[in-house]
């Protein structure tokens, strides 16, 4: 059956949610393309992207996506940019989407992408398309353009929970000797045991997220938790996700008090750590973050999850906890324009990357 893609203004939130959830139930798409994430982003940030709908001959949705339109600052001036599931500005895109793509009907992914790319190509109001957090083999990269520039790539460090179960639950045996040593030394500071895990109920969300905000104060130069809008987004996704079983908010303690909290997404046998907050170490050997993640690994392995993902990031602690990895990429796809060609030449002369 032939598919056709078209752009339109967003319908009202109730109508969009109904369409999105109907298609999501028939899709194999990632958590980040589900309504739990998309709805929270729209609610918290008030973003007004366009709706890209791919429909069949009967008008039924075969794929859906949100496309933001922004004027992106470049070396020689701003460029009109389409952004998949992003708004195109740093504040509204702070939630940092991963595993991006189209929400597509299972079995119709390829023709849906082809229809979507044709519709994007027919538009004359853009010079750039930004694709954030896509897989290296994403068919969206096949958009016919003049230049493709990879802005960034990142490992997605993961723990193979089947391997943990095969090791009879001995997760530490799968890690490097240095990582094993760090975790074991830290465990001695806590009675030779991993911390206890409590799972949030809806009534716990507000207080536990406030605890996460407090623990994260002063930890990073650009701290998302300092943004009231980001905190609203996290609270929204936690509230809706807990109700539907797609999100867990975990709190870790021992006999002397709290060690940390993790906000995790649950999707198709994969637990994904999205946000974290940890107490200050009690000694030079203490590693509250490593202990909380190790306890989460043990818990998810006991519950038959396939993977524990630390999501995208080049942090050393993620690598030290991982037994396998995936990869995501960020791309700028450029349509030909004399100004962008002049900029490309200037960047080569100045040896400046496109992200600078």
C-alpha atoms as a PDB file:
ATOM      1  CA  UNK A   1       0.000   0.000   0.000  1.00  0.00           C
ATOM      2  CA  UNK A   2       1.433   3.394  -1.012  1.00  0.00           C
ATOM      3  CA  UNK A   3       2.401   5.785   1.773  1.00  0.00           C
ATOM      4  CA  UNK A   4       2.293   9.555   1.670  1.00  0.00           C
ATOM      5  CA  UNK A   5       3.891  12.014   4.090  1.00  0.00           C
ATOM      6  CA  UNK A   6       2.727  15.513   4.862  1.00  0.00           C
ATOM      7  CA  UNK A   7       3.397  18.283   7.395  1.00  0.00           C
ATOM      8  CA  UNK A   8       0.751  20.035   9.457  1.00  0.00           C
ATOM      9  CA  UNK A   9       0.352  22.099  12.589  1.00  0.00           C
ATOM     10  CA  UNK A  10       0.110  20.120  15.810  1.00  0.00           C
ATOM     11  CA  UNK A  11      -3.431  19.073  16.654  1.00  0.00           C
ATOM     12  CA  UNK A  12      -4.672  19.612  20.186  1.00  0.00           C
ATOM     13  CA  UNK A  13      -2.825  17.565  22.797  1.00  0.00           C
ATOM     14  CA  UNK A  14      -5.668  15.074  23.372  1.00  0.00           C
ATOM     15  CA  UNK A  15      -5.989  14.272  19.672  1.00  0.00           C
ATOM     16  CA  UNK A  16      -2.225  13.989  19.221  1.00  0.00           C
ATOM     17  CA  UNK A  17      -1.873  11.701  22.233  1.00  0.00           C
ATOM     18  CA  UNK A  18      -4.596   9.375  20.957  1.00  0.00           C
ATOM     19  CA  UNK A  19      -2.970   9.104  17.537  1.00  0.00           C
ATOM     20  CA  UNK A  20       0.498   8.705  19.015  1.00  0.00           C
ATOM     21  CA  UNK A  21      -0.474   5.997  21.497  1.00  0.00           C
ATOM     22  CA  UNK A  22      -2.440   4.068  18.869  1.00  0.00           C
ATOM     23  CA  UNK A  23       0.597   3.940  16.601  1.00  0.00           C
ATOM     24  CA  UNK A  24       3.019   3.327  19.484  1.00  0.00           C
ATOM     25  CA  UNK A  25       1.131   0.153  20.411  1.00  0.00           C
ATOM     26  CA  UNK A  26       1.891  -1.182  16.920  1.00  0.00           C
ATOM     27  CA  UNK A  27       5.507  -0.007  16.736  1.00  0.00           C
ATOM     28  CA  UNK A  28       8.903  -1.308  17.812  1.00  0.00           C
ATOM     29  CA  UNK A  29      10.266   2.221  18.264  1.00  0.00           C
ATOM     30  CA  UNK A  30      12.469   3.318  21.155  1.00  0.00           C
ATOM     31  CA  UNK A  31      11.304   4.675  24.503  1.00  0.00           C
ATOM     32  CA  UNK A  32      12.306   8.162  23.352  1.00  0.00           C
ATOM     33  CA  UNK A  33       9.723   7.993  20.569  1.00  0.00           C
ATOM     34  CA  UNK A  34       6.899   6.920  22.885  1.00  0.00           C
ATOM     35  CA  UNK A  35       4.294   9.248  24.322  1.00  0.00           C
ATOM     36  CA  UNK A  36       5.779   9.073  27.828  1.00  0.00           C
ATOM     37  CA  UNK A  37       8.810  11.007  26.537  1.00  0.00           C
ATOM     38  CA  UNK A  38       7.174  13.003  23.736  1.00  0.00           C
ATOM     39  CA  UNK A  39       4.175  14.079  25.817  1.00  0.00           C
ATOM     40  CA  UNK A  40       6.374  15.163  28.729  1.00  0.00           C
ATOM     41  CA  UNK A  41       8.575  17.213  26.393  1.00  0.00           C
ATOM     42  CA  UNK A  42       5.630  18.996  24.811  1.00  0.00           C
ATOM     43  CA  UNK A  43       3.996  19.648  28.187  1.00  0.00           C
ATOM     44  CA  UNK A  44       7.066  20.901  30.014  1.00  0.00           C
ATOM     45  CA  UNK A  45       8.668  22.995  27.288  1.00  0.00           C
ATOM     46  CA  UNK A  46       5.661  24.227  25.368  1.00  0.00           C
ATOM     47  CA  UNK A  47       7.422  23.368  22.114  1.00  0.00           C
ATOM     48  CA  UNK A  48       5.441  23.886  18.912  1.00  0.00           C
ATOM     49  CA  UNK A  49       7.013  21.668  16.262  1.00  0.00           C
ATOM     50  CA  UNK A  50       5.164  20.590  13.160  1.00  0.00           C
ATOM     51  CA  UNK A  51       3.624  17.151  12.868  1.00  0.00           C
ATOM     52  CA  UNK A  52       5.040  14.946  10.138  1.00  0.00           C
ATOM     53  CA  UNK A  53       2.506  12.210   9.434  1.00  0.00           C
ATOM     54  CA  UNK A  54       3.001   9.318   7.037  1.00  0.00           C
ATOM     55  CA  UNK A  55      -0.359   7.831   6.113  1.00  0.00           C
ATOM     56  CA  UNK A  56      -1.636   5.027   3.931  1.00  0.00           C
ATOM     57  CA  UNK A  57      -4.252   5.293   1.192  1.00  0.00           C
ATOM     58  CA  UNK A  58      -7.020   5.076   3.785  1.00  0.00           C
ATOM     59  CA  UNK A  59      -5.567   7.936   5.824  1.00  0.00           C
ATOM     60  CA  UNK A  60      -4.318   5.701   8.652  1.00  0.00           C
ATOM     61  CA  UNK A  61      -1.059   6.632  10.368  1.00  0.00           C
ATOM     62  CA  UNK A  62       1.953   4.547   9.342  1.00  0.00           C
ATOM     63  CA  UNK A  63       4.491   6.871  10.986  1.00  0.00           C
ATOM     64  CA  UNK A  64       4.563  10.052  13.048  1.00  0.00           C
ATOM     65  CA  UNK A  65       7.304  12.511  13.986  1.00  0.00           C
ATOM     66  CA  UNK A  66       7.683  16.017  15.372  1.00  0.00           C
ATOM     67  CA  UNK A  67       9.849  18.444  13.419  1.00  0.00           C
ATOM     68  CA  UNK A  68      11.045  21.713  14.909  1.00  0.00           C
ATOM     69  CA  UNK A  69      12.061  24.701  12.805  1.00  0.00           C
ATOM     70  CA  UNK A  70      14.882  26.979  14.008  1.00  0.00           C
ATOM     71  CA  UNK A  71      17.397  29.520  12.784  1.00  0.00           C
ATOM     72  CA  UNK A  72      20.690  27.904  13.767  1.00  0.00           C
ATOM     73  CA  UNK A  73      23.672  30.219  14.383  1.00  0.00           C
ATOM     74  CA  UNK A  74      26.516  29.437  11.971  1.00  0.00           C
ATOM     75  CA  UNK A  75      29.871  30.980  11.207  1.00  0.00           C
ATOM     76  CA  UNK A  76      28.496  33.302   8.499  1.00  0.00           C
ATOM     77  CA  UNK A  77      25.018  33.856   9.891  1.00  0.00           C
ATOM     78  CA  UNK A  78      21.924  31.864  10.795  1.00  0.00           C
ATOM     79  CA  UNK A  79      20.626  28.964   8.721  1.00  0.00           C
ATOM     80  CA  UNK A  80      17.056  27.662   8.544  1.00  0.00           C
ATOM     81  CA  UNK A  81      17.071  24.239  10.188  1.00  0.00           C
ATOM     82  CA  UNK A  82      14.649  21.358  10.616  1.00  0.00           C
ATOM     83  CA  UNK A  83      15.194  19.364  13.828  1.00  0.00           C
ATOM     84  CA  UNK A  84      13.756  15.893  14.377  1.00  0.00           C
ATOM     85  CA  UNK A  85      12.033  15.704  17.770  1.00  0.00           C
ATOM     86  CA  UNK A  86      13.853  18.821  18.864  1.00  0.00           C
ATOM     87  CA  UNK A  87      13.043  22.517  18.966  1.00  0.00           C
ATOM     88  CA  UNK A  88      16.445  23.728  17.792  1.00  0.00           C
ATOM     89  CA  UNK A  89      17.415  25.724  20.880  1.00  0.00           C
ATOM     90  CA  UNK A  90      19.588  24.640  23.782  1.00  0.00           C
ATOM     91  CA  UNK A  91      17.014  25.106  26.548  1.00  0.00           C
ATOM     92  CA  UNK A  92      14.136  23.199  24.965  1.00  0.00           C
ATOM     93  CA  UNK A  93      16.471  20.452  23.788  1.00  0.00           C
ATOM     94  CA  UNK A  94      18.110  20.004  27.187  1.00  0.00           C
ATOM     95  CA  UNK A  95      16.310  16.683  27.821  1.00  0.00           C
ATOM     96  CA  UNK A  96      18.688  15.204  25.176  1.00  0.00           C
ATOM     97  CA  UNK A  97      16.795  12.741  23.012  1.00  0.00           C
ATOM     98  CA  UNK A  98      18.459   9.423  22.120  1.00  0.00           C
ATOM     99  CA  UNK A  99      17.545   6.571  19.761  1.00  0.00           C
ATOM    100  CA  UNK A 100      15.801   9.127  17.584  1.00  0.00           C
ATOM    101  CA  UNK A 101      13.850   8.341  14.430  1.00  0.00           C
ATOM    102  CA  UNK A 102      10.272   7.947  13.236  1.00  0.00           C
ATOM    103  CA  UNK A 103       7.536   6.331  15.289  1.00  0.00           C
ATOM    104  CA  UNK A 104       6.621   3.821  12.594  1.00  0.00           C
ATOM    105  CA  UNK A 105       4.280   0.895  12.213  1.00  0.00           C
ATOM    106  CA  UNK A 106       6.173  -2.380  12.620  1.00  0.00           C
ATOM    107  CA  UNK A 107       7.061  -3.725   9.208  1.00  0.00           C
ATOM    108  CA  UNK A 108       6.527  -0.345   7.517  1.00  0.00           C
ATOM    109  CA  UNK A 109       9.667   1.412   8.767  1.00  0.00           C
ATOM    110  CA  UNK A 110      11.525   1.569   5.454  1.00  0.00           C
ATOM    111  CA  UNK A 111       8.671   2.794   3.205  1.00  0.00           C
ATOM    112  CA  UNK A 112       7.668   5.234   5.949  1.00  0.00           C
ATOM    113  CA  UNK A 113      11.175   6.706   6.056  1.00  0.00           C
ATOM    114  CA  UNK A 114      11.251   6.967   2.256  1.00  0.00           C
ATOM    115  CA  UNK A 115       7.943   8.852   2.264  1.00  0.00           C
ATOM    116  CA  UNK A 116       9.141  11.133   5.081  1.00  0.00           C
ATOM    117  CA  UNK A 117      12.425  11.918   3.316  1.00  0.00           C
ATOM    118  CA  UNK A 118      10.526  12.758   0.130  1.00  0.00           C
ATOM    119  CA  UNK A 119       8.309  15.199   2.037  1.00  0.00           C
ATOM    120  CA  UNK A 120      11.310  16.822   3.730  1.00  0.00           C
ATOM    121  CA  UNK A 121      13.106  17.101   0.385  1.00  0.00           C
ATOM    122  CA  UNK A 122      10.127  18.866  -1.188  1.00  0.00           C
ATOM    123  CA  UNK A 123      10.241  21.678   1.375  1.00  0.00           C
ATOM    124  CA  UNK A 124      12.159  24.784   0.319  1.00  0.00           C
ATOM    125  CA  UNK A 125      12.302  26.481   3.727  1.00  0.00           C
ATOM    126  CA  UNK A 126      15.426  24.809   5.122  1.00  0.00           C
ATOM    127  CA  UNK A 127      19.153  24.660   4.572  1.00  0.00           C
ATOM    128  CA  UNK A 128      20.002  22.189   7.359  1.00  0.00           C
ATOM    129  CA  UNK A 129      18.456  19.114   8.913  1.00  0.00           C
ATOM    130  CA  UNK A 130      19.683  18.173  12.383  1.00  0.00           C
ATOM    131  CA  UNK A 131      19.422  14.522  13.425  1.00  0.00           C
ATOM    132  CA  UNK A 132      20.229  14.040  17.099  1.00  0.00           C
ATOM    133  CA  UNK A 133      20.951  10.710  18.764  1.00  0.00           C
ATOM    134  CA  UNK A 134      20.370   8.422  15.775  1.00  0.00           C
ATOM    135  CA  UNK A 135      21.863   5.007  15.163  1.00  0.00           C
ATOM    136  CA  UNK A 136      24.864   4.908  12.793  1.00  0.00           C
ATOM    137  CA  UNK A 137      22.779   2.994  10.236  1.00  0.00           C
ATOM    138  CA  UNK A 138      19.708   5.240  10.458  1.00  0.00           C
ATOM    139  CA  UNK A 139      17.931   5.368   7.076  1.00  0.00           C
ATOM    140  CA  UNK A 140      17.190   9.043   7.762  1.00  0.00           C
ATOM    141  CA  UNK A 141      20.811   9.729   6.834  1.00  0.00           C
ATOM    142  CA  UNK A 142      19.864   8.839   3.250  1.00  0.00           C
ATOM    143  CA  UNK A 143      18.180  12.235   2.798  1.00  0.00           C
ATOM    144  CA  UNK A 144      19.559  13.593  -0.513  1.00  0.00           C
ATOM    145  CA  UNK A 145      21.738  16.554   0.504  1.00  0.00           C
ATOM    146  CA  UNK A 146      24.921  18.297  -0.588  1.00  0.00           C
ATOM    147  CA  UNK A 147      26.954  17.630   2.552  1.00  0.00           C
ATOM    148  CA  UNK A 148      26.688  15.371   5.602  1.00  0.00           C
ATOM    149  CA  UNK A 149      28.649  16.342   8.702  1.00  0.00           C
ATOM    150  CA  UNK A 150      28.853  14.229  11.818  1.00  0.00           C
ATOM    151  CA  UNK A 151      28.671  16.635  14.755  1.00  0.00           C
ATOM    152  CA  UNK A 152      29.345  14.057  17.444  1.00  0.00           C
ATOM    153  CA  UNK A 153      29.146  10.403  18.289  1.00  0.00           C
ATOM    154  CA  UNK A 154      28.967   8.699  21.619  1.00  0.00           C
ATOM    155  CA  UNK A 155      29.165   5.238  23.103  1.00  0.00           C
ATOM    156  CA  UNK A 156      26.117   3.914  24.908  1.00  0.00           C
ATOM    157  CA  UNK A 157      27.635   1.810  27.654  1.00  0.00           C
ATOM    158  CA  UNK A 158      25.518  -1.160  28.743  1.00  0.00           C
ATOM    159  CA  UNK A 159      25.506  -4.186  31.017  1.00  0.00           C
ATOM    160  CA  UNK A 160      24.506  -7.512  29.481  1.00  0.00           C
ATOM    161  CA  UNK A 161      22.142  -8.892  32.109  1.00  0.00           C
ATOM    162  CA  UNK A 162      21.970 -12.297  30.450  1.00  0.00           C
ATOM    163  CA  UNK A 163      25.724 -12.513  31.080  1.00  0.00           C
ATOM    164  CA  UNK A 164      25.157 -11.501  34.710  1.00  0.00           C
ATOM    165  CA  UNK A 165      22.660 -14.331  35.109  1.00  0.00           C
ATOM    166  CA  UNK A 166      25.044 -16.757  33.355  1.00  0.00           C
ATOM    167  CA  UNK A 167      27.643 -15.752  35.950  1.00  0.00           C
ATOM    168  CA  UNK A 168      25.104 -16.744  38.618  1.00  0.00           C
ATOM    169  CA  UNK A 169      24.591 -13.103  39.551  1.00  0.00           C
ATOM    170  CA  UNK A 170      28.283 -12.351  39.999  1.00  0.00           C
ATOM    171  CA  UNK A 171      28.286  -9.079  38.076  1.00  0.00           C
ATOM    172  CA  UNK A 172      31.662  -8.014  39.414  1.00  0.00           C
ATOM    173  CA  UNK A 173      33.327 -11.014  37.793  1.00  0.00           C
ATOM    174  CA  UNK A 174      32.479  -9.496  34.394  1.00  0.00           C
ATOM    175  CA  UNK A 175      34.284  -6.225  35.108  1.00  0.00           C
ATOM    176  CA  UNK A 176      37.930  -5.232  34.912  1.00  0.00           C
ATOM    177  CA  UNK A 177      40.099  -5.905  37.942  1.00  0.00           C
ATOM    178  CA  UNK A 178      40.263  -2.170  38.668  1.00  0.00           C
ATOM    179  CA  UNK A 179      36.471  -1.765  38.597  1.00  0.00           C
ATOM    180  CA  UNK A 180      35.989  -4.858  40.751  1.00  0.00           C
ATOM    181  CA  UNK A 181      38.481  -3.530  43.255  1.00  0.00           C
ATOM    182  CA  UNK A 182      36.831  -0.098  43.458  1.00  0.00           C
ATOM    183  CA  UNK A 183      33.379  -1.553  44.041  1.00  0.00           C
ATOM    184  CA  UNK A 184      34.570  -4.094  46.600  1.00  0.00           C
ATOM    185  CA  UNK A 185      36.492  -1.441  48.557  1.00  0.00           C
ATOM    186  CA  UNK A 186      33.401   0.766  48.497  1.00  0.00           C
ATOM    187  CA  UNK A 187      31.222  -2.104  49.692  1.00  0.00           C
ATOM    188  CA  UNK A 188      33.467  -2.534  52.753  1.00  0.00           C
ATOM    189  CA  UNK A 189      32.524   1.019  53.729  1.00  0.00           C
ATOM    190  CA  UNK A 190      28.893  -0.143  53.784  1.00  0.00           C
ATOM    191  CA  UNK A 191      29.031  -3.415  55.648  1.00  0.00           C
ATOM    192  CA  UNK A 192      30.216  -5.507  52.692  1.00  0.00           C
ATOM    193  CA  UNK A 193      26.826  -5.174  51.024  1.00  0.00           C
ATOM    194  CA  UNK A 194      25.182  -3.317  48.183  1.00  0.00           C
ATOM    195  CA  UNK A 195      22.686  -0.636  49.219  1.00  0.00           C
ATOM    196  CA  UNK A 196      19.011  -1.343  49.771  1.00  0.00           C
ATOM    197  CA  UNK A 197      16.662  -0.229  46.981  1.00  0.00           C
ATOM    198  CA  UNK A 198      13.312   1.447  47.502  1.00  0.00           C
ATOM    199  CA  UNK A 199      11.013   2.108  44.527  1.00  0.00           C
ATOM    200  CA  UNK A 200       9.025   5.329  44.456  1.00  0.00           C
ATOM    201  CA  UNK A 201       5.263   5.399  44.645  1.00  0.00           C
ATOM    202  CA  UNK A 202       3.431   8.349  43.093  1.00  0.00           C
ATOM    203  CA  UNK A 203       3.297  10.062  46.484  1.00  0.00           C
ATOM    204  CA  UNK A 204       7.115   9.915  46.722  1.00  0.00           C
ATOM    205  CA  UNK A 205       7.919  11.611  43.427  1.00  0.00           C
ATOM    206  CA  UNK A 206       7.975  15.258  44.528  1.00  0.00           C
ATOM    207  CA  UNK A 207      10.140  14.701  47.611  1.00  0.00           C
ATOM    208  CA  UNK A 208      12.543  12.302  45.897  1.00  0.00           C
ATOM    209  CA  UNK A 209      13.070  14.578  42.904  1.00  0.00           C
ATOM    210  CA  UNK A 210      13.718  17.469  45.255  1.00  0.00           C
ATOM    211  CA  UNK A 211      16.329  15.289  46.946  1.00  0.00           C
ATOM    212  CA  UNK A 212      17.903  14.655  43.526  1.00  0.00           C
ATOM    213  CA  UNK A 213      17.997  18.391  42.849  1.00  0.00           C
ATOM    214  CA  UNK A 214      19.663  19.067  46.195  1.00  0.00           C
ATOM    215  CA  UNK A 215      22.271  16.322  45.733  1.00  0.00           C
ATOM    216  CA  UNK A 216      23.108  17.648  42.245  1.00  0.00           C
ATOM    217  CA  UNK A 217      23.639  21.246  43.381  1.00  0.00           C
ATOM    218  CA  UNK A 218      27.108  22.499  42.520  1.00  0.00           C
ATOM    219  CA  UNK A 219      28.129  19.224  40.841  1.00  0.00           C
ATOM    220  CA  UNK A 220      28.260  20.520  37.233  1.00  0.00           C
ATOM    221  CA  UNK A 221      29.062  23.814  35.529  1.00  0.00           C
ATOM    222  CA  UNK A 222      25.959  23.500  33.318  1.00  0.00           C
ATOM    223  CA  UNK A 223      23.537  21.723  35.616  1.00  0.00           C
ATOM    224  CA  UNK A 224      20.193  20.770  34.070  1.00  0.00           C
ATOM    225  CA  UNK A 225      18.713  20.501  37.560  1.00  0.00           C
ATOM    226  CA  UNK A 226      19.125  24.273  37.998  1.00  0.00           C
ATOM    227  CA  UNK A 227      16.421  24.742  35.342  1.00  0.00           C
ATOM    228  CA  UNK A 228      12.857  24.824  36.657  1.00  0.00           C
ATOM    229  CA  UNK A 229      11.615  23.741  33.216  1.00  0.00           C
ATOM    230  CA  UNK A 230      13.874  20.696  33.170  1.00  0.00           C
ATOM    231  CA  UNK A 231      12.690  19.762  36.666  1.00  0.00           C
ATOM    232  CA  UNK A 232       9.091  20.066  35.406  1.00  0.00           C
ATOM    233  CA  UNK A 233       9.968  17.757  32.506  1.00  0.00           C
ATOM    234  CA  UNK A 234      11.520  15.165  34.830  1.00  0.00           C
ATOM    235  CA  UNK A 235       8.576  15.340  37.226  1.00  0.00           C
ATOM    236  CA  UNK A 236       6.119  14.937  34.338  1.00  0.00           C
ATOM    237  CA  UNK A 237       7.895  11.943  32.849  1.00  0.00           C
ATOM    238  CA  UNK A 238       8.238  10.357  36.306  1.00  0.00           C
ATOM    239  CA  UNK A 239       4.576  10.880  37.156  1.00  0.00           C
ATOM    240  CA  UNK A 240       3.196   9.506  33.893  1.00  0.00           C
ATOM    241  CA  UNK A 241       5.872   6.828  33.546  1.00  0.00           C
ATOM    242  CA  UNK A 242       5.362   5.401  37.032  1.00  0.00           C
ATOM    243  CA  UNK A 243       1.641   5.093  36.400  1.00  0.00           C
ATOM    244  CA  UNK A 244       2.242   3.118  33.202  1.00  0.00           C
ATOM    245  CA  UNK A 245       5.204   1.050  34.392  1.00  0.00           C
ATOM    246  CA  UNK A 246       7.599   2.708  31.941  1.00  0.00           C
ATOM    247  CA  UNK A 247       9.676   4.590  34.519  1.00  0.00           C
ATOM    248  CA  UNK A 248      11.201   3.765  37.887  1.00  0.00           C
ATOM    249  CA  UNK A 249      12.520   6.183  40.479  1.00  0.00           C
ATOM    250  CA  UNK A 250      14.875   4.308  42.816  1.00  0.00           C
ATOM    251  CA  UNK A 251      16.333   5.412  46.157  1.00  0.00           C
ATOM    252  CA  UNK A 252      19.371   3.658  47.627  1.00  0.00           C
ATOM    253  CA  UNK A 253      20.166   3.557  51.350  1.00  0.00           C
ATOM    254  CA  UNK A 254      22.153   1.665  53.964  1.00  0.00           C
ATOM    255  CA  UNK A 255      21.924   1.648  57.756  1.00  0.00           C
ATOM    256  CA  UNK A 256      23.508   5.106  57.955  1.00  0.00           C
ATOM    257  CA  UNK A 257      21.339   6.879  55.419  1.00  0.00           C
ATOM    258  CA  UNK A 258      20.892   7.651  51.719  1.00  0.00           C
ATOM    259  CA  UNK A 259      23.485   6.907  49.029  1.00  0.00           C
ATOM    260  CA  UNK A 260      21.692   8.104  45.919  1.00  0.00           C
ATOM    261  CA  UNK A 261      18.770   8.024  43.506  1.00  0.00           C
ATOM    262  CA  UNK A 262      18.309   6.863  39.919  1.00  0.00           C
ATOM    263  CA  UNK A 263      15.557   7.732  37.450  1.00  0.00           C
ATOM    264  CA  UNK A 264      15.346   4.860  34.956  1.00  0.00           C
ATOM    265  CA  UNK A 265      13.294   4.152  31.854  1.00  0.00           C
ATOM    266  CA  UNK A 266      11.957   0.641  31.219  1.00  0.00           C
ATOM    267  CA  UNK A 267      11.308  -0.446  27.640  1.00  0.00           C
ATOM    268  CA  UNK A 268      11.168  -3.860  25.970  1.00  0.00           C
ATOM    269  CA  UNK A 269      13.441  -5.604  28.437  1.00  0.00           C
ATOM    270  CA  UNK A 270      15.934  -2.746  28.722  1.00  0.00           C
ATOM    271  CA  UNK A 271      16.372  -0.568  31.818  1.00  0.00           C
ATOM    272  CA  UNK A 272      17.964   2.801  30.982  1.00  0.00           C
ATOM    273  CA  UNK A 273      19.464   5.153  33.534  1.00  0.00           C
ATOM    274  CA  UNK A 274      18.416   8.680  32.564  1.00  0.00           C
ATOM    275  CA  UNK A 275      19.191  10.770  35.664  1.00  0.00           C
ATOM    276  CA  UNK A 276      21.171  10.165  38.829  1.00  0.00           C
ATOM    277  CA  UNK A 277      22.117  11.876  42.077  1.00  0.00           C
ATOM    278  CA  UNK A 278      24.508  10.607  44.733  1.00  0.00           C
ATOM    279  CA  UNK A 279      25.467  11.470  48.288  1.00  0.00           C
ATOM    280  CA  UNK A 280      28.984  12.675  49.008  1.00  0.00           C
ATOM    281  CA  UNK A 281      31.496   9.853  49.588  1.00  0.00           C
ATOM    282  CA  UNK A 282      31.965   8.990  53.254  1.00  0.00           C
ATOM    283  CA  UNK A 283      35.649   8.177  52.774  1.00  0.00           C
ATOM    284  CA  UNK A 284      38.364   8.160  50.123  1.00  0.00           C
ATOM    285  CA  UNK A 285      37.366   4.619  49.188  1.00  0.00           C
ATOM    286  CA  UNK A 286      33.632   5.214  49.052  1.00  0.00           C
ATOM    287  CA  UNK A 287      31.953   5.247  45.612  1.00  0.00           C
ATOM    288  CA  UNK A 288      28.225   5.842  46.112  1.00  0.00           C
ATOM    289  CA  UNK A 289      27.549   6.065  42.362  1.00  0.00           C
ATOM    290  CA  UNK A 290      29.216   2.774  41.526  1.00  0.00           C
ATOM    291  CA  UNK A 291      27.405   1.071  44.406  1.00  0.00           C
ATOM    292  CA  UNK A 292      23.986   2.361  43.339  1.00  0.00           C
ATOM    293  CA  UNK A 293      24.490   1.233  39.749  1.00  0.00           C
ATOM    294  CA  UNK A 294      25.804  -2.169  40.861  1.00  0.00           C
ATOM    295  CA  UNK A 295      22.720  -2.617  43.050  1.00  0.00           C
ATOM    296  CA  UNK A 296      20.485  -1.627  40.122  1.00  0.00           C
ATOM    297  CA  UNK A 297      22.233  -4.191  37.899  1.00  0.00           C
ATOM    298  CA  UNK A 298      21.597  -6.931  40.463  1.00  0.00           C
ATOM    299  CA  UNK A 299      17.945  -5.924  40.766  1.00  0.00           C
ATOM    300  CA  UNK A 300      17.271  -5.827  37.019  1.00  0.00           C
ATOM    301  CA  UNK A 301      19.143  -9.093  36.434  1.00  0.00           C
ATOM    302  CA  UNK A 302      16.893 -10.723  39.035  1.00  0.00           C
ATOM    303  CA  UNK A 303      13.848  -9.401  37.149  1.00  0.00           C
ATOM    304  CA  UNK A 304      14.849 -10.867  33.754  1.00  0.00           C
ATOM    305  CA  UNK A 305      15.663  -7.599  31.979  1.00  0.00           C
ATOM    306  CA  UNK A 306      18.061  -8.037  29.040  1.00  0.00           C
ATOM    307  CA  UNK A 307      20.184  -4.914  29.361  1.00  0.00           C
ATOM    308  CA  UNK A 308      20.992  -2.149  31.805  1.00  0.00           C
ATOM    309  CA  UNK A 309      21.911   0.895  29.732  1.00  0.00           C
ATOM    310  CA  UNK A 310      23.777   3.948  30.983  1.00  0.00           C
ATOM    311  CA  UNK A 311      22.677   5.807  27.831  1.00  0.00           C
ATOM    312  CA  UNK A 312      24.923   8.045  25.753  1.00  0.00           C
ATOM    313  CA  UNK A 313      27.964   9.575  27.358  1.00  0.00           C
ATOM    314  CA  UNK A 314      31.725   9.259  27.411  1.00  0.00           C
ATOM    315  CA  UNK A 315      32.024   9.312  31.204  1.00  0.00           C
ATOM    316  CA  UNK A 316      34.690   7.034  32.604  1.00  0.00           C
ATOM    317  CA  UNK A 317      32.376   5.586  35.247  1.00  0.00           C
ATOM    318  CA  UNK A 318      29.972   4.364  32.542  1.00  0.00           C
ATOM    319  CA  UNK A 319      32.780   2.558  30.757  1.00  0.00           C
ATOM    320  CA  UNK A 320      33.984   0.976  33.992  1.00  0.00           C
ATOM    321  CA  UNK A 321      30.512  -0.462  34.714  1.00  0.00           C
ATOM    322  CA  UNK A 322      29.801  -1.732  31.198  1.00  0.00           C
ATOM    323  CA  UNK A 323      30.155  -5.181  29.678  1.00  0.00           C
ATOM    324  CA  UNK A 324      29.039  -4.133  26.164  1.00  0.00           C
ATOM    325  CA  UNK A 325      28.156  -0.999  24.238  1.00  0.00           C
ATOM    326  CA  UNK A 326      26.044   0.532  21.502  1.00  0.00           C
ATOM    327  CA  UNK A 327      26.648   3.801  19.642  1.00  0.00           C
ATOM    328  CA  UNK A 328      24.680   6.929  18.672  1.00  0.00           C
ATOM    329  CA  UNK A 329      25.489   9.835  16.365  1.00  0.00           C
ATOM    330  CA  UNK A 330      24.536  13.498  15.809  1.00  0.00           C
ATOM    331  CA  UNK A 331      24.438  14.836  12.241  1.00  0.00           C
ATOM    332  CA  UNK A 332      23.951  18.040  10.270  1.00  0.00           C
ATOM    333  CA  UNK A 333      22.689  17.461   6.721  1.00  0.00           C
ATOM    334  CA  UNK A 334      23.242  20.481   4.455  1.00  0.00           C
ATOM    335  CA  UNK A 335      21.414  21.496   1.325  1.00  0.00           C
ATOM    336  CA  UNK A 336      23.583  23.431  -1.140  1.00  0.00           C
ATOM    337  CA  UNK A 337      23.794  27.178  -0.621  1.00  0.00           C
ATOM    338  CA  UNK A 338      26.548  29.629  -1.599  1.00  0.00           C
ATOM    339  CA  UNK A 339      26.806  30.899   1.991  1.00  0.00           C
ATOM    340  CA  UNK A 340      27.247  27.426   3.456  1.00  0.00           C
ATOM    341  CA  UNK A 341      29.835  26.658   0.777  1.00  0.00           C
ATOM    342  CA  UNK A 342      31.746  29.809   1.692  1.00  0.00           C
ATOM    343  CA  UNK A 343      31.500  28.823   5.342  1.00  0.00           C
ATOM    344  CA  UNK A 344      32.806  25.328   4.609  1.00  0.00           C
ATOM    345  CA  UNK A 345      35.829  26.831   2.830  1.00  0.00           C
ATOM    346  CA  UNK A 346      36.435  29.235   5.706  1.00  0.00           C
ATOM    347  CA  UNK A 347      36.224  26.420   8.248  1.00  0.00           C
ATOM    348  CA  UNK A 348      38.827  24.460   6.344  1.00  0.00           C
ATOM    349  CA  UNK A 349      41.144  27.455   6.324  1.00  0.00           C
ATOM    350  CA  UNK A 350      40.583  28.155  10.023  1.00  0.00           C
ATOM    351  CA  UNK A 351      40.445  24.415  10.901  1.00  0.00           C
ATOM    352  CA  UNK A 352      37.247  24.943  12.832  1.00  0.00           C
ATOM    353  CA  UNK A 353      34.684  22.116  13.146  1.00  0.00           C
ATOM    354  CA  UNK A 354      31.034  22.750  12.365  1.00  0.00           C
ATOM    355  CA  UNK A 355      30.189  22.424  16.068  1.00  0.00           C
ATOM    356  CA  UNK A 356      32.465  25.391  16.936  1.00  0.00           C
END
